[in-house]
Protein backbone atom coordinates (compact mmCIF):
# COMPACT_ATOMS: atom_id res chain seq x y z
CA UNK A 1 -19.84 -9.19 5.06
CA UNK A 2 -18.30 -7.22 7.92
CA UNK A 3 -19.38 -3.75 8.99
CA UNK A 4 -16.25 -1.59 9.12
CA UNK A 5 -15.92 1.93 10.50
CA UNK A 6 -13.96 3.91 7.91
CA UNK A 7 -12.42 7.35 8.48
CA UNK A 8 -11.13 9.19 5.43
CA UNK A 9 -8.62 11.96 6.04
CA UNK A 10 -7.62 14.07 3.08
CA UNK A 11 -8.07 17.44 1.46
CA UNK A 12 -11.47 17.94 3.05
CA UNK A 13 -12.14 17.61 6.75
CA UNK A 14 -12.17 14.03 8.04
CA UNK A 15 -15.31 12.01 7.45
CA UNK A 16 -16.29 8.82 9.26
CA UNK A 17 -18.91 6.31 8.23
CA UNK A 18 -19.79 2.68 8.78
CA UNK A 19 -19.32 0.72 5.60
CA UNK A 20 -20.81 -2.69 4.83
CA UNK A 21 -17.94 -4.27 2.95
CA UNK A 22 -18.31 -6.98 0.34
CA UNK A 23 -14.55 -7.48 0.23
CA UNK A 24 -12.50 -9.05 2.99
CA UNK A 25 -9.25 -7.16 2.32
CA UNK A 26 -8.46 -3.49 2.74
CA UNK A 27 -7.52 -3.21 -0.93
CA UNK A 28 -10.95 -4.56 -1.89
CA UNK A 29 -12.71 -2.10 0.40
CA UNK A 30 -10.72 0.81 -1.04
CA UNK A 31 -11.69 -0.30 -4.54
CA UNK A 32 -15.37 -0.62 -3.46
CA UNK A 33 -15.16 3.00 -2.30
CA UNK A 34 -14.02 4.01 -5.82
CA UNK A 35 -10.58 5.04 -4.59
CA UNK A 36 -7.13 4.18 -5.88
CA UNK A 37 -5.27 1.95 -3.37
CA UNK A 38 -1.99 3.60 -4.43
CA UNK A 39 -3.22 7.02 -3.28
CA UNK A 40 -3.86 6.23 0.40
CA UNK A 41 -1.97 5.13 3.50
CA UNK A 42 -3.83 2.62 5.62
CA UNK A 43 -4.23 2.34 9.37
CA UNK A 44 -6.17 -0.60 10.79
CA UNK A 45 -7.07 -0.32 14.48
CA UNK A 46 -4.54 2.54 14.86
CA UNK A 47 -1.60 0.70 13.23
CA UNK A 48 -0.18 1.20 9.75
CA UNK A 49 -0.71 -1.97 7.70
CA UNK A 50 -0.43 -3.04 4.04
CA UNK A 51 -3.63 -2.97 2.00
CA UNK A 52 -3.47 -6.76 1.65
CA UNK A 53 -4.49 -7.10 5.31
CA UNK A 54 -7.83 -8.79 6.03
CA UNK A 55 -10.56 -6.97 7.93
CA UNK A 56 -12.95 -8.32 10.53
CA UNK A 57 -16.24 -7.17 11.97
CA UNK A 58 -15.73 -4.18 14.26
CA UNK A 59 -12.34 -3.15 12.83
CA UNK A 60 -11.58 0.57 12.51
CA UNK A 61 -10.06 1.52 9.18
CA UNK A 62 -8.44 4.90 8.59
CA UNK A 63 -7.48 5.98 5.08
CA UNK A 64 -5.03 8.86 4.77
CA UNK A 65 -5.17 10.42 1.32
CA UNK A 66 -1.74 11.11 -0.15
CA UNK A 67 -1.65 14.59 -1.63
CA UNK A 68 1.15 16.24 -3.53
CA UNK A 69 1.71 19.88 -4.15
CA UNK A 70 3.72 21.05 -7.08
């Protein structure tokens, strides 16, 4: 189980925490965080990647919440 540093950027100010993931894919981590994978853009180590990408110990994951205004 890797320890991943996760930064969430969205409606509120950015928050960063270290997360002990049970899953090995970004999609699994997003689900573990009780988020919808279809509502975030994903950056892994500063590069945009699909949520099917695998994570490793020490990776930096940034989740950018997609917001819409009507």
